[in-house]
């Protein structure tokens, strides 16, 4: 369970970052963010994409109505590194501050029913830069990808299969692919939020935000 408080630290071998107190009220509204998970943040440091794809939990079927938020985000993260490895690019590193910014934006897009990099309903989280800085990340370079795609409850996919699907779709867009394979970007955080409705055919859409960063040198 990840409790929302400015005093909690992300305990891990990677540099630890206190959760931004400015972001805490926004994250408190993201119900999936606060649920227990089979994939805690500390596990990112010990896994490359090949090891992640072999995990039992990563090969479980995704239930859009009862999915593991952190595991789904990790699956998309490692799917990006899988794609980058095929392009002979170094893997991105996980940053919880970027994940928090991504989670906030995906949640806002779903609950307020818009699909845009700009959130005009709240100036504090209006653009990618303001959201990412609100969550405590101040990088030399940032970038953001958005996606809206779906899971088919009649033809369920595993976490890795669904992640591969969305990364493949993003890679077909010139602008999105530019961020996926940018050699100057070093960090990534992903946020997947499923929408609340299911079509009669069993389709459940979700919205994904990917926030990328490069630290100041």
N, C-alpha and C. Protein backbone atom coordinates (compact mmCIF):
# COMPACT_ATOMS: atom_id res chain seq x y z
N UNK A 1 0.85 -1.19 0.00
CA UNK A 1 0.00 0.00 0.00
C UNK A 1 0.88 1.24 0.00
N UNK A 2 0.63 2.20 -0.87
CA UNK A 2 1.38 3.43 -0.91
C UNK A 2 0.51 4.52 -0.31
N UNK A 3 0.85 5.00 0.86
CA UNK A 3 0.04 6.02 1.52
C UNK A 3 0.44 7.41 1.06
N UNK A 4 -0.54 8.26 0.89
CA UNK A 4 -0.30 9.61 0.40
C UNK A 4 0.10 10.51 1.57
N UNK A 5 1.34 10.91 1.61
CA UNK A 5 1.81 11.84 2.61
C UNK A 5 3.12 12.43 2.16
N UNK A 6 3.35 13.65 2.51
CA UNK A 6 4.60 14.31 2.12
C UNK A 6 5.78 13.75 2.90
N UNK A 7 5.51 12.96 3.95
CA UNK A 7 6.60 12.47 4.78
C UNK A 7 7.12 11.11 4.35
N UNK A 8 6.37 10.40 3.52
CA UNK A 8 6.79 9.08 3.10
C UNK A 8 7.86 9.20 2.04
N UNK A 9 8.90 8.37 2.13
CA UNK A 9 9.94 8.31 1.12
C UNK A 9 9.78 7.03 0.33
N UNK A 10 10.27 7.05 -0.92
CA UNK A 10 10.32 5.84 -1.72
C UNK A 10 11.62 5.14 -1.34
N UNK A 11 11.54 4.06 -0.53
CA UNK A 11 12.72 3.38 -0.05
C UNK A 11 13.21 2.40 -1.09
N UNK A 12 14.43 2.67 -1.61
CA UNK A 12 14.98 1.85 -2.65
C UNK A 12 16.46 2.15 -2.77
N UNK A 13 17.16 1.35 -3.55
CA UNK A 13 18.59 1.54 -3.72
C UNK A 13 18.88 2.69 -4.67
N UNK A 14 17.93 3.00 -5.54
CA UNK A 14 18.08 4.16 -6.40
C UNK A 14 17.91 5.42 -5.55
N UNK A 15 18.30 6.59 -6.06
CA UNK A 15 18.09 7.80 -5.26
C UNK A 15 16.64 7.92 -4.81
N UNK A 16 16.44 8.23 -3.54
CA UNK A 16 15.09 8.27 -2.99
C UNK A 16 14.56 9.70 -2.99
N UNK A 17 13.31 9.84 -3.33
CA UNK A 17 12.71 11.15 -3.43
C UNK A 17 11.46 11.21 -2.57
N UNK A 18 11.38 12.25 -1.73
CA UNK A 18 10.16 12.46 -0.97
C UNK A 18 9.05 12.84 -1.94
N UNK A 19 7.86 12.33 -1.66
CA UNK A 19 6.73 12.70 -2.49
C UNK A 19 6.45 14.18 -2.33
N UNK A 20 6.24 14.85 -3.44
CA UNK A 20 6.00 16.29 -3.41
C UNK A 20 4.73 16.61 -2.63
N UNK A 21 4.80 17.50 -1.64
CA UNK A 21 3.58 17.88 -0.91
C UNK A 21 2.56 18.58 -1.81
N UNK A 22 3.04 19.25 -2.86
CA UNK A 22 2.12 19.91 -3.79
C UNK A 22 1.35 18.89 -4.61
N UNK A 23 1.98 17.74 -4.89
CA UNK A 23 1.32 16.71 -5.70
C UNK A 23 0.41 15.81 -4.87
N UNK A 24 0.63 15.74 -3.57
CA UNK A 24 -0.10 14.81 -2.73
C UNK A 24 -1.62 14.93 -2.83
N UNK A 25 -2.21 16.13 -2.84
CA UNK A 25 -3.68 16.21 -2.95
C UNK A 25 -4.21 15.65 -4.26
N UNK A 26 -3.44 15.81 -5.34
CA UNK A 26 -3.86 15.27 -6.63
C UNK A 26 -3.74 13.74 -6.64
N UNK A 27 -2.66 13.22 -6.08
CA UNK A 27 -2.47 11.78 -6.05
C UNK A 27 -3.45 11.08 -5.12
N UNK A 28 -3.89 11.80 -4.09
CA UNK A 28 -4.87 11.22 -3.16
C UNK A 28 -6.18 10.89 -3.85
N UNK A 29 -6.47 11.58 -4.95
CA UNK A 29 -7.71 11.34 -5.68
C UNK A 29 -7.61 10.14 -6.63
N UNK A 30 -6.40 9.71 -6.92
CA UNK A 30 -6.19 8.61 -7.87
C UNK A 30 -6.28 7.29 -7.09
N UNK A 31 -7.48 6.72 -7.06
CA UNK A 31 -7.71 5.55 -6.24
C UNK A 31 -6.74 4.41 -6.51
N UNK A 32 -6.47 4.13 -7.78
CA UNK A 32 -5.58 3.02 -8.13
C UNK A 32 -4.17 3.24 -7.62
N UNK A 33 -3.75 4.49 -7.51
CA UNK A 33 -2.42 4.82 -7.04
C UNK A 33 -2.20 4.33 -5.61
N UNK A 34 -3.27 4.29 -4.83
CA UNK A 34 -3.16 3.99 -3.40
C UNK A 34 -3.46 2.54 -3.06
N UNK A 35 -3.66 1.70 -4.06
CA UNK A 35 -3.93 0.29 -3.81
C UNK A 35 -2.64 -0.51 -3.64
N UNK A 36 -2.77 -1.64 -2.94
CA UNK A 36 -1.64 -2.57 -2.83
C UNK A 36 -1.31 -3.12 -4.21
N UNK A 37 -0.05 -3.46 -4.41
CA UNK A 37 0.41 -3.91 -5.72
C UNK A 37 1.36 -5.08 -5.59
N UNK A 38 1.42 -5.88 -6.65
CA UNK A 38 2.42 -6.94 -6.74
C UNK A 38 3.76 -6.42 -7.23
N UNK A 39 3.82 -5.13 -7.55
CA UNK A 39 5.06 -4.56 -8.07
C UNK A 39 5.35 -3.24 -7.38
N UNK A 40 6.24 -3.28 -6.41
CA UNK A 40 6.63 -2.07 -5.70
C UNK A 40 7.75 -1.35 -6.45
N UNK A 41 7.90 -0.07 -6.18
CA UNK A 41 8.87 0.75 -6.90
C UNK A 41 10.29 0.21 -6.80
N UNK A 42 10.65 -0.36 -5.65
CA UNK A 42 12.02 -0.82 -5.44
C UNK A 42 12.42 -1.92 -6.42
N UNK A 43 11.46 -2.59 -7.02
CA UNK A 43 11.78 -3.71 -7.90
C UNK A 43 12.33 -3.25 -9.25
N UNK A 44 12.08 -2.01 -9.62
CA UNK A 44 12.60 -1.52 -10.90
C UNK A 44 14.12 -1.66 -10.99
N UNK A 45 14.81 -1.41 -9.89
CA UNK A 45 16.27 -1.34 -9.92
C UNK A 45 16.91 -2.70 -10.19
N UNK A 46 16.22 -3.78 -9.91
CA UNK A 46 16.80 -5.12 -10.04
C UNK A 46 16.45 -5.81 -11.36
N UNK A 47 15.65 -5.17 -12.20
CA UNK A 47 15.14 -5.84 -13.39
C UNK A 47 15.48 -5.09 -14.66
N UNK A 48 15.85 -5.85 -15.69
CA UNK A 48 15.83 -5.30 -17.04
C UNK A 48 14.56 -5.82 -17.70
N UNK A 49 14.32 -5.44 -18.96
CA UNK A 49 13.05 -5.82 -19.57
C UNK A 49 12.92 -7.33 -19.74
N UNK A 50 14.03 -8.01 -20.01
CA UNK A 50 13.97 -9.46 -20.19
C UNK A 50 13.56 -10.16 -18.91
N UNK A 51 14.10 -9.72 -17.79
CA UNK A 51 13.74 -10.32 -16.51
C UNK A 51 12.30 -10.01 -16.14
N UNK A 52 11.86 -8.78 -16.42
CA UNK A 52 10.47 -8.42 -16.13
C UNK A 52 9.51 -9.30 -16.91
N UNK A 53 9.79 -9.54 -18.18
CA UNK A 53 8.89 -10.31 -19.02
C UNK A 53 8.78 -11.77 -18.58
N UNK A 54 9.70 -12.23 -17.74
CA UNK A 54 9.66 -13.60 -17.24
C UNK A 54 8.90 -13.73 -15.92
N UNK A 55 8.55 -12.59 -15.31
CA UNK A 55 7.84 -12.63 -14.03
C UNK A 55 6.46 -13.25 -14.20
N UNK A 56 6.07 -14.07 -13.23
CA UNK A 56 4.73 -14.68 -13.28
C UNK A 56 3.64 -13.63 -13.32
N UNK A 57 3.78 -12.62 -12.48
CA UNK A 57 2.73 -11.61 -12.40
C UNK A 57 2.62 -10.80 -13.69
N UNK A 58 3.73 -10.60 -14.38
CA UNK A 58 3.71 -9.85 -15.63
C UNK A 58 3.01 -10.63 -16.74
N UNK A 59 2.87 -11.93 -16.55
CA UNK A 59 2.22 -12.78 -17.55
C UNK A 59 0.82 -13.21 -17.14
N UNK A 60 0.28 -12.54 -16.13
CA UNK A 60 -1.12 -12.74 -15.78
C UNK A 60 -2.00 -11.91 -16.72
N UNK A 61 -3.25 -12.31 -16.85
CA UNK A 61 -4.18 -11.58 -17.70
C UNK A 61 -4.64 -10.30 -17.00
N UNK A 62 -4.78 -9.24 -17.78
CA UNK A 62 -5.23 -7.96 -17.24
C UNK A 62 -6.75 -7.94 -17.19
N UNK A 63 -7.30 -7.66 -16.02
CA UNK A 63 -8.72 -7.41 -15.86
C UNK A 63 -8.89 -5.90 -15.76
N UNK A 64 -9.42 -5.25 -16.79
CA UNK A 64 -9.53 -3.78 -16.76
C UNK A 64 -10.34 -3.24 -15.59
N UNK A 65 -11.19 -4.07 -15.02
CA UNK A 65 -12.01 -3.63 -13.91
C UNK A 65 -11.35 -3.91 -12.56
N UNK A 66 -10.24 -4.63 -12.57
CA UNK A 66 -9.54 -4.94 -11.32
C UNK A 66 -8.07 -5.18 -11.63
N UNK A 67 -7.42 -4.17 -12.19
CA UNK A 67 -6.03 -4.35 -12.61
C UNK A 67 -5.07 -3.80 -11.56
N UNK A 68 -3.83 -4.27 -11.63
CA UNK A 68 -2.76 -3.83 -10.75
C UNK A 68 -2.12 -2.60 -11.39
N UNK A 69 -2.37 -1.45 -10.82
CA UNK A 69 -1.93 -0.18 -11.38
C UNK A 69 -0.41 -0.12 -11.54
N UNK A 70 0.31 -0.45 -10.48
CA UNK A 70 1.77 -0.35 -10.54
C UNK A 70 2.36 -1.38 -11.48
N UNK A 71 1.78 -2.56 -11.53
CA UNK A 71 2.27 -3.59 -12.45
C UNK A 71 2.01 -3.19 -13.90
N UNK A 72 0.86 -2.59 -14.17
CA UNK A 72 0.55 -2.15 -15.52
C UNK A 72 1.51 -1.03 -15.95
N UNK A 73 1.77 -0.10 -15.05
CA UNK A 73 2.71 0.98 -15.37
C UNK A 73 4.11 0.43 -15.62
N UNK A 74 4.52 -0.54 -14.80
CA UNK A 74 5.84 -1.15 -14.99
C UNK A 74 5.91 -1.89 -16.32
N UNK A 75 4.83 -2.55 -16.69
CA UNK A 75 4.81 -3.28 -17.96
C UNK A 75 5.03 -2.33 -19.13
N UNK A 76 4.39 -1.17 -19.10
CA UNK A 76 4.59 -0.19 -20.17
C UNK A 76 6.01 0.34 -20.14
N UNK A 77 6.53 0.60 -18.95
CA UNK A 77 7.91 1.08 -18.81
C UNK A 77 8.89 0.08 -19.45
N UNK A 78 8.78 -1.18 -19.09
CA UNK A 78 9.72 -2.18 -19.61
C UNK A 78 9.48 -2.48 -21.09
N UNK A 79 8.25 -2.30 -21.55
CA UNK A 79 7.99 -2.45 -22.99
C UNK A 79 8.72 -1.38 -23.78
N UNK A 80 8.83 -0.18 -23.22
CA UNK A 80 9.60 0.88 -23.87
C UNK A 80 11.07 0.50 -23.94
N UNK A 81 11.60 -0.03 -22.83
CA UNK A 81 13.01 -0.43 -22.84
C UNK A 81 13.26 -1.63 -23.77
N UNK A 82 12.28 -2.50 -23.88
CA UNK A 82 12.39 -3.58 -24.86
C UNK A 82 12.50 -3.00 -26.27
N UNK A 83 11.64 -2.05 -26.58
CA UNK A 83 11.66 -1.41 -27.89
C UNK A 83 12.98 -0.69 -28.12
N UNK A 84 13.47 0.03 -27.11
CA UNK A 84 14.74 0.74 -27.24
C UNK A 84 15.90 -0.23 -27.44
N UNK A 85 15.84 -1.39 -26.81
CA UNK A 85 16.92 -2.36 -26.98
C UNK A 85 17.03 -2.83 -28.42
N UNK A 86 15.89 -2.95 -29.10
CA UNK A 86 15.90 -3.36 -30.50
C UNK A 86 16.46 -2.25 -31.39
N UNK A 87 16.49 -1.02 -30.86
CA UNK A 87 17.07 0.11 -31.59
C UNK A 87 18.50 0.40 -31.13
N UNK A 88 19.06 -0.51 -30.34
CA UNK A 88 20.43 -0.38 -29.81
C UNK A 88 20.60 0.90 -28.99
N UNK A 89 19.57 1.23 -28.21
CA UNK A 89 19.60 2.40 -27.34
C UNK A 89 19.66 1.96 -25.89
N UNK A 90 20.26 2.76 -25.03
CA UNK A 90 20.33 2.39 -23.61
C UNK A 90 18.95 2.42 -22.96
N UNK A 91 18.74 1.61 -21.93
CA UNK A 91 17.44 1.60 -21.26
C UNK A 91 17.21 2.87 -20.47
N UNK A 92 15.95 3.23 -20.33
CA UNK A 92 15.57 4.35 -19.48
C UNK A 92 15.51 3.89 -18.03
N UNK A 93 15.71 4.82 -17.12
CA UNK A 93 15.61 4.54 -15.70
C UNK A 93 14.26 5.02 -15.18
N UNK A 94 13.75 4.28 -14.21
CA UNK A 94 12.47 4.67 -13.60
C UNK A 94 12.67 5.84 -12.65
N UNK A 95 11.73 6.78 -12.70
CA UNK A 95 11.72 7.88 -11.75
C UNK A 95 10.30 8.03 -11.20
N UNK A 96 10.11 7.85 -9.89
CA UNK A 96 8.75 7.90 -9.33
C UNK A 96 8.08 9.25 -9.49
N UNK A 97 8.88 10.31 -9.58
CA UNK A 97 8.28 11.65 -9.75
C UNK A 97 7.63 11.77 -11.12
N UNK A 98 8.26 11.19 -12.13
CA UNK A 98 7.68 11.19 -13.47
C UNK A 98 6.45 10.30 -13.52
N UNK A 99 6.48 9.16 -12.82
CA UNK A 99 5.30 8.30 -12.73
C UNK A 99 4.14 9.03 -12.07
N UNK A 100 4.44 9.77 -11.01
CA UNK A 100 3.38 10.52 -10.33
C UNK A 100 2.74 11.55 -11.25
N UNK A 101 3.57 12.27 -12.00
CA UNK A 101 3.03 13.26 -12.93
C UNK A 101 2.18 12.59 -14.00
N UNK A 102 2.63 11.43 -14.48
CA UNK A 102 1.88 10.69 -15.49
C UNK A 102 0.55 10.19 -14.93
N UNK A 103 0.58 9.70 -13.71
CA UNK A 103 -0.65 9.19 -13.08
C UNK A 103 -1.67 10.30 -12.89
N UNK A 104 -1.21 11.45 -12.45
CA UNK A 104 -2.12 12.58 -12.26
C UNK A 104 -2.79 12.95 -13.58
N UNK A 105 -2.00 13.03 -14.65
CA UNK A 105 -2.57 13.48 -15.92
C UNK A 105 -3.54 12.46 -16.51
N UNK A 106 -3.17 11.18 -16.45
CA UNK A 106 -4.08 10.16 -16.98
C UNK A 106 -5.39 10.16 -16.21
N UNK A 107 -5.31 10.29 -14.90
CA UNK A 107 -6.53 10.33 -14.08
C UNK A 107 -7.37 11.55 -14.44
N UNK A 108 -6.74 12.70 -14.60
CA UNK A 108 -7.46 13.91 -14.96
C UNK A 108 -8.14 13.76 -16.33
N UNK A 109 -7.43 13.16 -17.28
CA UNK A 109 -8.01 12.98 -18.61
C UNK A 109 -9.24 12.07 -18.56
N UNK A 110 -9.17 11.01 -17.77
CA UNK A 110 -10.31 10.09 -17.67
C UNK A 110 -11.48 10.73 -16.95
N UNK A 111 -11.23 11.32 -15.80
CA UNK A 111 -12.33 11.84 -14.98
C UNK A 111 -12.95 13.10 -15.57
N UNK A 112 -12.16 13.89 -16.30
CA UNK A 112 -12.69 15.13 -16.89
C UNK A 112 -12.92 15.00 -18.39
N UNK A 113 -12.69 13.80 -18.91
CA UNK A 113 -13.04 13.45 -20.29
C UNK A 113 -12.42 14.40 -21.32
N UNK A 114 -11.10 14.44 -21.33
CA UNK A 114 -10.39 15.14 -22.39
C UNK A 114 -9.17 14.32 -22.76
N UNK A 115 -8.58 14.64 -23.90
CA UNK A 115 -7.38 13.95 -24.35
C UNK A 115 -6.46 14.98 -24.98
N UNK A 116 -5.53 15.47 -24.17
CA UNK A 116 -4.68 16.58 -24.60
C UNK A 116 -3.51 16.68 -23.63
N UNK A 117 -2.40 17.20 -24.11
CA UNK A 117 -1.27 17.45 -23.21
C UNK A 117 -1.57 18.59 -22.24
N UNK A 118 -2.51 19.46 -22.61
CA UNK A 118 -2.85 20.59 -21.77
C UNK A 118 -4.14 20.31 -20.99
N UNK A 119 -4.08 20.58 -19.70
CA UNK A 119 -5.24 20.45 -18.83
C UNK A 119 -5.68 21.86 -18.44
N UNK A 120 -6.68 22.37 -19.15
CA UNK A 120 -7.08 23.76 -18.95
C UNK A 120 -8.01 23.94 -17.75
N UNK A 121 -8.32 22.88 -17.04
CA UNK A 121 -9.21 22.98 -15.88
C UNK A 121 -8.48 23.37 -14.61
N UNK A 122 -7.13 23.29 -14.63
CA UNK A 122 -6.37 23.56 -13.41
C UNK A 122 -4.98 24.08 -13.79
N UNK A 123 -4.69 25.35 -13.55
CA UNK A 123 -3.40 25.91 -13.95
C UNK A 123 -2.20 25.27 -13.25
N UNK A 124 -2.40 24.68 -12.08
CA UNK A 124 -1.29 24.07 -11.36
C UNK A 124 -0.76 22.82 -12.06
N UNK A 125 -1.62 22.19 -12.87
CA UNK A 125 -1.21 20.98 -13.58
C UNK A 125 -1.56 21.12 -15.07
N UNK A 126 -1.42 22.33 -15.57
CA UNK A 126 -1.90 22.61 -16.92
C UNK A 126 -1.08 21.92 -18.00
N UNK A 127 0.23 22.05 -17.96
CA UNK A 127 1.07 21.49 -19.01
C UNK A 127 2.01 20.43 -18.47
N UNK A 128 2.69 19.69 -19.36
CA UNK A 128 3.64 18.68 -18.91
C UNK A 128 4.70 19.24 -17.97
N UNK A 129 5.21 20.44 -18.27
CA UNK A 129 6.25 21.02 -17.42
C UNK A 129 5.73 21.35 -16.02
N UNK A 130 4.52 21.92 -15.94
CA UNK A 130 3.99 22.29 -14.62
C UNK A 130 3.65 21.04 -13.80
N UNK A 131 3.13 19.99 -14.44
CA UNK A 131 2.82 18.75 -13.73
C UNK A 131 4.08 18.07 -13.22
N UNK A 132 5.08 17.99 -14.08
CA UNK A 132 6.32 17.30 -13.72
C UNK A 132 7.05 18.06 -12.61
N UNK A 133 7.08 19.39 -12.70
CA UNK A 133 7.71 20.19 -11.65
C UNK A 133 6.92 20.12 -10.35
N UNK A 134 5.60 20.08 -10.45
CA UNK A 134 4.77 19.95 -9.25
C UNK A 134 5.12 18.68 -8.49
N UNK A 135 5.49 17.63 -9.23
CA UNK A 135 5.84 16.35 -8.61
C UNK A 135 7.29 16.28 -8.19
N UNK A 136 8.03 17.37 -8.35
CA UNK A 136 9.37 17.45 -7.80
C UNK A 136 10.51 17.17 -8.75
N UNK A 137 10.20 16.98 -10.05
CA UNK A 137 11.27 16.72 -11.01
C UNK A 137 11.56 17.98 -11.80
N UNK A 138 12.84 18.38 -11.82
CA UNK A 138 13.28 19.56 -12.56
C UNK A 138 14.42 19.12 -13.47
N UNK A 139 14.10 18.77 -14.68
CA UNK A 139 15.09 18.21 -15.58
C UNK A 139 15.60 19.18 -16.62
N UNK A 140 16.71 18.80 -17.23
CA UNK A 140 17.26 19.58 -18.33
C UNK A 140 16.38 19.47 -19.57
N UNK A 141 15.72 18.30 -19.71
CA UNK A 141 14.85 18.06 -20.86
C UNK A 141 13.71 17.16 -20.42
N UNK A 142 12.51 17.46 -20.88
CA UNK A 142 11.36 16.60 -20.61
C UNK A 142 10.59 16.37 -21.91
N UNK A 143 9.81 15.32 -21.93
CA UNK A 143 8.94 15.02 -23.07
C UNK A 143 7.76 14.21 -22.56
N UNK A 144 6.68 14.20 -23.34
CA UNK A 144 5.49 13.48 -22.91
C UNK A 144 4.81 12.82 -24.11
N UNK A 145 4.41 11.58 -23.92
CA UNK A 145 3.56 10.85 -24.87
C UNK A 145 2.21 10.57 -24.23
N UNK A 146 1.17 10.64 -25.04
CA UNK A 146 -0.17 10.25 -24.61
C UNK A 146 -0.71 9.18 -25.55
N UNK A 147 -1.54 8.30 -25.01
CA UNK A 147 -2.21 7.31 -25.84
C UNK A 147 -3.58 7.01 -25.26
N UNK A 148 -4.52 6.73 -26.14
CA UNK A 148 -5.82 6.20 -25.74
C UNK A 148 -6.07 4.98 -26.59
N UNK A 149 -6.08 3.83 -25.94
CA UNK A 149 -6.33 2.58 -26.64
C UNK A 149 -7.17 1.69 -25.74
N UNK A 150 -7.26 0.41 -26.02
CA UNK A 150 -8.27 -0.40 -25.33
C UNK A 150 -7.78 -1.80 -25.02
N UNK A 151 -8.49 -2.41 -24.10
CA UNK A 151 -8.37 -3.84 -23.82
C UNK A 151 -9.71 -4.48 -24.17
N UNK A 152 -9.66 -5.68 -24.71
CA UNK A 152 -10.86 -6.42 -25.11
C UNK A 152 -11.10 -7.53 -24.08
N UNK A 153 -12.17 -7.40 -23.30
CA UNK A 153 -12.43 -8.38 -22.26
C UNK A 153 -12.76 -9.76 -22.83
N UNK A 154 -13.18 -9.78 -24.09
CA UNK A 154 -13.44 -11.07 -24.74
C UNK A 154 -12.19 -11.76 -25.22
N UNK A 155 -11.11 -10.99 -25.38
CA UNK A 155 -9.81 -11.52 -25.79
C UNK A 155 -8.74 -10.94 -24.89
N UNK A 156 -8.71 -11.38 -23.64
CA UNK A 156 -7.80 -10.76 -22.67
C UNK A 156 -6.33 -10.95 -23.02
N UNK A 157 -5.54 -9.96 -22.65
CA UNK A 157 -4.10 -9.99 -22.83
C UNK A 157 -3.40 -9.97 -21.48
N UNK A 158 -2.15 -10.42 -21.47
CA UNK A 158 -1.34 -10.30 -20.27
C UNK A 158 -0.85 -8.86 -20.15
N UNK A 159 -0.24 -8.56 -19.00
CA UNK A 159 0.30 -7.22 -18.79
C UNK A 159 1.36 -6.89 -19.85
N UNK A 160 2.23 -7.84 -20.14
CA UNK A 160 3.28 -7.56 -21.13
C UNK A 160 2.70 -7.46 -22.53
N UNK A 161 1.71 -8.26 -22.85
CA UNK A 161 1.09 -8.18 -24.18
C UNK A 161 0.39 -6.85 -24.39
N UNK A 162 -0.34 -6.40 -23.39
CA UNK A 162 -1.05 -5.12 -23.52
C UNK A 162 -0.05 -3.97 -23.60
N UNK A 163 1.03 -4.06 -22.83
CA UNK A 163 2.06 -3.02 -22.88
C UNK A 163 2.73 -2.99 -24.25
N UNK A 164 3.04 -4.16 -24.79
CA UNK A 164 3.62 -4.22 -26.13
C UNK A 164 2.68 -3.60 -27.16
N UNK A 165 1.40 -3.85 -27.00
CA UNK A 165 0.40 -3.32 -27.92
C UNK A 165 0.43 -1.80 -27.95
N UNK A 166 0.42 -1.18 -26.79
CA UNK A 166 0.36 0.28 -26.76
C UNK A 166 1.68 0.90 -27.21
N UNK A 167 2.82 0.30 -26.87
CA UNK A 167 4.10 0.83 -27.32
C UNK A 167 4.24 0.69 -28.83
N UNK A 168 3.75 -0.42 -29.36
CA UNK A 168 3.77 -0.60 -30.81
C UNK A 168 2.93 0.47 -31.50
N UNK A 169 1.77 0.78 -30.94
CA UNK A 169 0.91 1.81 -31.52
C UNK A 169 1.60 3.18 -31.45
N UNK A 170 2.24 3.48 -30.33
CA UNK A 170 2.94 4.75 -30.20
C UNK A 170 4.10 4.85 -31.19
N UNK A 171 4.78 3.74 -31.41
CA UNK A 171 5.95 3.76 -32.29
C UNK A 171 5.59 4.07 -33.74
N UNK A 172 4.31 3.89 -34.10
CA UNK A 172 3.88 4.17 -35.47
C UNK A 172 3.63 5.65 -35.71
N UNK A 173 3.63 6.43 -34.64
CA UNK A 173 3.48 7.88 -34.74
C UNK A 173 4.87 8.51 -34.71
N UNK A 174 5.15 9.35 -35.69
CA UNK A 174 6.47 9.96 -35.78
C UNK A 174 6.83 10.74 -34.52
N UNK A 175 5.90 11.55 -34.03
CA UNK A 175 6.18 12.39 -32.86
C UNK A 175 6.36 11.54 -31.61
N UNK A 176 5.49 10.55 -31.41
CA UNK A 176 5.61 9.70 -30.23
C UNK A 176 6.88 8.85 -30.30
N UNK A 177 7.16 8.34 -31.48
CA UNK A 177 8.34 7.50 -31.63
C UNK A 177 9.62 8.29 -31.37
N UNK A 178 9.61 9.57 -31.72
CA UNK A 178 10.77 10.43 -31.49
C UNK A 178 11.15 10.43 -30.01
N UNK A 179 10.15 10.44 -29.14
CA UNK A 179 10.42 10.42 -27.71
C UNK A 179 10.86 9.03 -27.24
N UNK A 180 10.23 8.00 -27.79
CA UNK A 180 10.58 6.64 -27.39
C UNK A 180 12.05 6.32 -27.66
N UNK A 181 12.59 6.86 -28.74
CA UNK A 181 13.95 6.51 -29.14
C UNK A 181 14.92 7.68 -29.00
N UNK A 182 14.55 8.70 -28.27
CA UNK A 182 15.43 9.85 -28.09
C UNK A 182 16.62 9.43 -27.21
N UNK A 183 17.84 9.46 -27.74
CA UNK A 183 19.00 9.03 -26.95
C UNK A 183 19.36 10.00 -25.83
N UNK A 184 18.82 11.22 -25.88
CA UNK A 184 19.12 12.20 -24.84
C UNK A 184 18.25 12.01 -23.60
N UNK A 185 17.13 11.33 -23.73
CA UNK A 185 16.25 11.11 -22.58
C UNK A 185 16.78 9.94 -21.76
N UNK A 186 16.67 10.05 -20.45
CA UNK A 186 17.27 9.06 -19.55
C UNK A 186 16.28 8.41 -18.60
N UNK A 187 15.16 9.06 -18.34
CA UNK A 187 14.23 8.57 -17.32
C UNK A 187 12.81 8.52 -17.86
N UNK A 188 11.99 7.71 -17.18
CA UNK A 188 10.60 7.52 -17.63
C UNK A 188 9.72 7.14 -16.46
N UNK A 189 8.51 7.64 -16.49
CA UNK A 189 7.45 7.20 -15.59
C UNK A 189 6.16 7.11 -16.36
N UNK A 190 5.37 6.06 -16.13
CA UNK A 190 4.14 5.82 -16.90
C UNK A 190 2.93 5.78 -15.97
N UNK A 191 1.79 6.19 -16.49
CA UNK A 191 0.54 6.13 -15.74
C UNK A 191 -0.60 5.68 -16.61
N UNK A 192 -1.18 4.53 -16.30
CA UNK A 192 -2.31 3.96 -17.04
C UNK A 192 -3.57 4.00 -16.18
N UNK A 193 -4.62 4.62 -16.70
CA UNK A 193 -5.91 4.64 -16.02
C UNK A 193 -6.98 4.16 -17.00
N UNK A 194 -7.70 3.11 -16.63
CA UNK A 194 -8.81 2.63 -17.45
C UNK A 194 -10.03 3.49 -17.25
N UNK A 195 -10.79 3.65 -18.31
CA UNK A 195 -12.05 4.38 -18.23
C UNK A 195 -13.11 3.53 -17.53
N UNK A 196 -14.19 4.16 -17.12
CA UNK A 196 -15.17 3.50 -16.26
C UNK A 196 -16.27 2.75 -17.00
N UNK A 197 -16.29 2.86 -18.32
CA UNK A 197 -17.36 2.22 -19.08
C UNK A 197 -16.82 1.10 -19.94
N UNK A 198 -17.69 0.13 -20.20
CA UNK A 198 -17.38 -0.99 -21.09
C UNK A 198 -18.40 -1.00 -22.22
N UNK A 199 -17.95 -1.13 -23.45
CA UNK A 199 -18.88 -1.18 -24.57
C UNK A 199 -19.63 -2.51 -24.56
N UNK A 200 -20.76 -2.60 -25.27
CA UNK A 200 -21.47 -3.89 -25.35
C UNK A 200 -20.59 -5.02 -25.89
N UNK A 201 -19.57 -4.67 -26.65
CA UNK A 201 -18.66 -5.68 -27.21
C UNK A 201 -17.55 -6.07 -26.24
N UNK A 202 -17.54 -5.46 -25.06
CA UNK A 202 -16.53 -5.81 -24.06
C UNK A 202 -15.25 -5.03 -24.16
N UNK A 203 -15.27 -3.89 -24.85
CA UNK A 203 -14.09 -3.05 -25.01
C UNK A 203 -14.02 -2.04 -23.85
N UNK A 204 -12.84 -1.96 -23.23
CA UNK A 204 -12.60 -0.98 -22.17
C UNK A 204 -11.39 -0.14 -22.58
N UNK A 205 -11.61 1.15 -22.74
CA UNK A 205 -10.52 2.04 -23.13
C UNK A 205 -9.71 2.48 -21.91
N UNK A 206 -8.46 2.80 -22.17
CA UNK A 206 -7.63 3.38 -21.12
C UNK A 206 -6.79 4.51 -21.70
N UNK A 207 -6.34 5.37 -20.81
CA UNK A 207 -5.50 6.49 -21.22
C UNK A 207 -4.14 6.36 -20.54
N UNK A 208 -3.13 6.58 -21.32
CA UNK A 208 -1.75 6.42 -20.88
C UNK A 208 -1.01 7.74 -21.03
N UNK A 209 -0.27 8.09 -20.00
CA UNK A 209 0.69 9.18 -20.08
C UNK A 209 2.07 8.61 -19.82
N UNK A 210 3.02 8.99 -20.66
CA UNK A 210 4.44 8.66 -20.46
C UNK A 210 5.19 9.97 -20.30
N UNK A 211 5.83 10.15 -19.16
CA UNK A 211 6.64 11.36 -18.94
C UNK A 211 8.12 10.98 -18.91
N UNK A 212 8.89 11.63 -19.78
CA UNK A 212 10.31 11.37 -19.93
C UNK A 212 11.12 12.53 -19.36
N UNK A 213 12.35 12.24 -18.92
CA UNK A 213 13.20 13.30 -18.41
C UNK A 213 14.67 13.03 -18.62
N UNK A 214 15.43 14.11 -18.59
CA UNK A 214 16.88 14.06 -18.58
C UNK A 214 17.34 14.98 -17.48
N UNK A 215 18.18 14.47 -16.57
CA UNK A 215 18.65 15.26 -15.44
C UNK A 215 19.62 16.33 -15.90
N UNK A 216 19.74 17.38 -15.09
CA UNK A 216 20.78 18.38 -15.30
C UNK A 216 22.13 17.76 -15.01
N UNK A 217 23.12 18.05 -15.82
CA UNK A 217 24.46 17.50 -15.64
C UNK A 217 25.35 18.50 -14.92
